[in-house]
């Protein structure tokens, strides 16, 4: 059984036991439970239910494992012949969630 969920514009295919990297939640602490209500598709052994845009009554529950950061990006801007150069770095924050159940 698997589901496709949407979380703040990002879609992910999840199964029970998977660890998913989703959008950062500052108030989520390890061990806390999270429910994803935006379920776009649920598949249960050949029985596929799709939503328009969400599947009615479906939800995915998970437990927060911890927080992590993505790889470092270097953002470099310049204007030629003007001696203007700006170099900045960025690391996106994520919340890691272990999927515990899929309620279809």
C-alpha atoms as a PDB file:
ATOM      1  CA  UNK A   1       0.000   0.000   0.000  1.00  0.00           C
ATOM      2  CA  UNK A   2       1.297   3.448  -0.905  1.00  0.00           C
ATOM      3  CA  UNK A   3       0.040   7.012  -1.147  1.00  0.00           C
ATOM      4  CA  UNK A   4       1.054  10.233  -2.829  1.00  0.00           C
ATOM      5  CA  UNK A   5       0.896  13.221  -0.502  1.00  0.00           C
ATOM      6  CA  UNK A   6       1.324  16.939  -1.030  1.00  0.00           C
ATOM      7  CA  UNK A   7       3.107  19.026   1.587  1.00  0.00           C
ATOM      8  CA  UNK A   8       3.531  22.761   0.976  1.00  0.00           C
ATOM      9  CA  UNK A   9       3.807  22.351  -2.799  1.00  0.00           C
ATOM     10  CA  UNK A  10       6.046  19.265  -2.756  1.00  0.00           C
ATOM     11  CA  UNK A  11       4.679  15.831  -3.637  1.00  0.00           C
ATOM     12  CA  UNK A  12       6.039  12.549  -2.287  1.00  0.00           C
ATOM     13  CA  UNK A  13       5.251   8.849  -2.722  1.00  0.00           C
ATOM     14  CA  UNK A  14       5.152   7.219   0.716  1.00  0.00           C
ATOM     15  CA  UNK A  15       4.751   3.757   2.207  1.00  0.00           C
ATOM     16  CA  UNK A  16       4.527   2.656   5.828  1.00  0.00           C
ATOM     17  CA  UNK A  17       8.028   2.706   7.322  1.00  0.00           C
ATOM     18  CA  UNK A  18       9.509   5.235   4.878  1.00  0.00           C
ATOM     19  CA  UNK A  19      11.400   8.256   6.151  1.00  0.00           C
ATOM     20  CA  UNK A  20      10.341  11.316   4.160  1.00  0.00           C
ATOM     21  CA  UNK A  21      12.111  14.661   4.056  1.00  0.00           C
ATOM     22  CA  UNK A  22       9.356  17.290   4.098  1.00  0.00           C
ATOM     23  CA  UNK A  23       9.094  21.039   4.597  1.00  0.00           C
ATOM     24  CA  UNK A  24      10.648  22.414   7.790  1.00  0.00           C
ATOM     25  CA  UNK A  25       8.373  22.715  10.798  1.00  0.00           C
ATOM     26  CA  UNK A  26       9.963  24.699  13.614  1.00  0.00           C
ATOM     27  CA  UNK A  27       7.365  23.593  16.178  1.00  0.00           C
ATOM     28  CA  UNK A  28       7.786  19.851  15.457  1.00  0.00           C
ATOM     29  CA  UNK A  29       9.928  17.950  17.942  1.00  0.00           C
ATOM     30  CA  UNK A  30      11.277  14.391  17.624  1.00  0.00           C
ATOM     31  CA  UNK A  31       8.654  11.847  18.672  1.00  0.00           C
ATOM     32  CA  UNK A  32       5.723  14.143  17.866  1.00  0.00           C
ATOM     33  CA  UNK A  33       3.074  12.892  15.428  1.00  0.00           C
ATOM     34  CA  UNK A  34       2.117  14.686  12.203  1.00  0.00           C
ATOM     35  CA  UNK A  35      -0.902  14.103   9.970  1.00  0.00           C
ATOM     36  CA  UNK A  36      -0.857  14.838   6.238  1.00  0.00           C
ATOM     37  CA  UNK A  37      -4.398  15.525   5.001  1.00  0.00           C
ATOM     38  CA  UNK A  38      -3.505  16.416   1.408  1.00  0.00           C
ATOM     39  CA  UNK A  39      -3.560  12.877  -0.034  1.00  0.00           C
ATOM     40  CA  UNK A  40      -3.665  12.897  -3.844  1.00  0.00           C
ATOM     41  CA  UNK A  41      -3.659   9.140  -4.521  1.00  0.00           C
ATOM     42  CA  UNK A  42      -4.043   5.919  -2.515  1.00  0.00           C
ATOM     43  CA  UNK A  43      -3.141   2.497  -3.924  1.00  0.00           C
ATOM     44  CA  UNK A  44      -4.035  -0.685  -2.045  1.00  0.00           C
ATOM     45  CA  UNK A  45      -3.058  -3.872  -3.909  1.00  0.00           C
ATOM     46  CA  UNK A  46      -4.364  -2.812  -7.310  1.00  0.00           C
ATOM     47  CA  UNK A  47      -7.270  -0.713  -5.999  1.00  0.00           C
ATOM     48  CA  UNK A  48      -6.264   2.856  -6.921  1.00  0.00           C
ATOM     49  CA  UNK A  49      -8.229   5.875  -5.670  1.00  0.00           C
ATOM     50  CA  UNK A  50      -7.395   9.301  -7.023  1.00  0.00           C
ATOM     51  CA  UNK A  51      -8.696  12.579  -5.735  1.00  0.00           C
ATOM     52  CA  UNK A  52      -9.953  15.728  -7.415  1.00  0.00           C
ATOM     53  CA  UNK A  53      -7.660  17.151  -6.077  1.00  0.00           C
ATOM     54  CA  UNK A  54      -7.699  15.283  -2.711  1.00  0.00           C
ATOM     55  CA  UNK A  55      -8.999  11.833  -1.763  1.00  0.00           C
ATOM     56  CA  UNK A  56     -11.953  12.222   0.611  1.00  0.00           C
ATOM     57  CA  UNK A  57     -11.364  10.808   4.088  1.00  0.00           C
ATOM     58  CA  UNK A  58      -7.777   9.766   3.425  1.00  0.00           C
ATOM     59  CA  UNK A  59      -4.860  10.782   5.610  1.00  0.00           C
ATOM     60  CA  UNK A  60      -1.287   9.761   6.281  1.00  0.00           C
ATOM     61  CA  UNK A  61       0.152   9.723   9.803  1.00  0.00           C
ATOM     62  CA  UNK A  62       3.825  10.033  10.636  1.00  0.00           C
ATOM     63  CA  UNK A  63       6.253  10.559  13.495  1.00  0.00           C
ATOM     64  CA  UNK A  64       8.952  13.231  13.499  1.00  0.00           C
ATOM     65  CA  UNK A  65      12.432  11.682  13.460  1.00  0.00           C
ATOM     66  CA  UNK A  66      14.402  14.930  13.531  1.00  0.00           C
ATOM     67  CA  UNK A  67      15.539  17.938  11.547  1.00  0.00           C
ATOM     68  CA  UNK A  68      18.199  18.066   8.844  1.00  0.00           C
ATOM     69  CA  UNK A  69      19.695  20.423   6.303  1.00  0.00           C
ATOM     70  CA  UNK A  70      20.059  20.058   2.553  1.00  0.00           C
ATOM     71  CA  UNK A  71      23.278  20.460   0.649  1.00  0.00           C
ATOM     72  CA  UNK A  72      24.903  23.863   0.510  1.00  0.00           C
ATOM     73  CA  UNK A  73      24.134  26.087  -2.471  1.00  0.00           C
ATOM     74  CA  UNK A  74      26.375  28.954  -3.532  1.00  0.00           C
ATOM     75  CA  UNK A  75      24.540  31.978  -4.927  1.00  0.00           C
ATOM     76  CA  UNK A  76      26.879  34.289  -6.842  1.00  0.00           C
ATOM     77  CA  UNK A  77      25.789  37.506  -8.529  1.00  0.00           C
ATOM     78  CA  UNK A  78      27.945  39.920 -10.434  1.00  0.00           C
ATOM     79  CA  UNK A  79      27.769  42.801 -12.845  1.00  0.00           C
ATOM     80  CA  UNK A  80      30.488  42.853 -15.407  1.00  0.00           C
ATOM     81  CA  UNK A  81      32.861  45.811 -15.563  1.00  0.00           C
ATOM     82  CA  UNK A  82      31.274  47.390 -12.457  1.00  0.00           C
ATOM     83  CA  UNK A  83      33.280  45.564  -9.756  1.00  0.00           C
ATOM     84  CA  UNK A  84      30.049  44.292  -8.186  1.00  0.00           C
ATOM     85  CA  UNK A  85      30.280  40.775  -6.773  1.00  0.00           C
ATOM     86  CA  UNK A  86      28.044  39.176  -4.136  1.00  0.00           C
ATOM     87  CA  UNK A  87      28.624  35.633  -2.902  1.00  0.00           C
ATOM     88  CA  UNK A  88      26.135  34.051  -0.515  1.00  0.00           C
ATOM     89  CA  UNK A  89      25.432  30.533   0.656  1.00  0.00           C
ATOM     90  CA  UNK A  90      22.156  28.807   1.485  1.00  0.00           C
ATOM     91  CA  UNK A  91      21.199  25.535   3.200  1.00  0.00           C
ATOM     92  CA  UNK A  92      17.526  24.573   3.210  1.00  0.00           C
ATOM     93  CA  UNK A  93      16.107  23.132   6.443  1.00  0.00           C
ATOM     94  CA  UNK A  94      13.945  19.986   6.395  1.00  0.00           C
ATOM     95  CA  UNK A  95      11.944  17.886   8.850  1.00  0.00           C
ATOM     96  CA  UNK A  96      12.406  14.118   8.615  1.00  0.00           C
ATOM     97  CA  UNK A  97       9.167  12.141   9.165  1.00  0.00           C
ATOM     98  CA  UNK A  98       8.742   8.345   9.458  1.00  0.00           C
ATOM     99  CA  UNK A  99       5.387   7.217   8.017  1.00  0.00           C
ATOM    100  CA  UNK A 100       3.442   5.124  10.540  1.00  0.00           C
ATOM    101  CA  UNK A 101       0.066   4.552   8.861  1.00  0.00           C
ATOM    102  CA  UNK A 102      -1.987   5.253   5.752  1.00  0.00           C
ATOM    103  CA  UNK A 103      -5.719   5.675   6.393  1.00  0.00           C
ATOM    104  CA  UNK A 104      -7.657   5.258   3.175  1.00  0.00           C
END
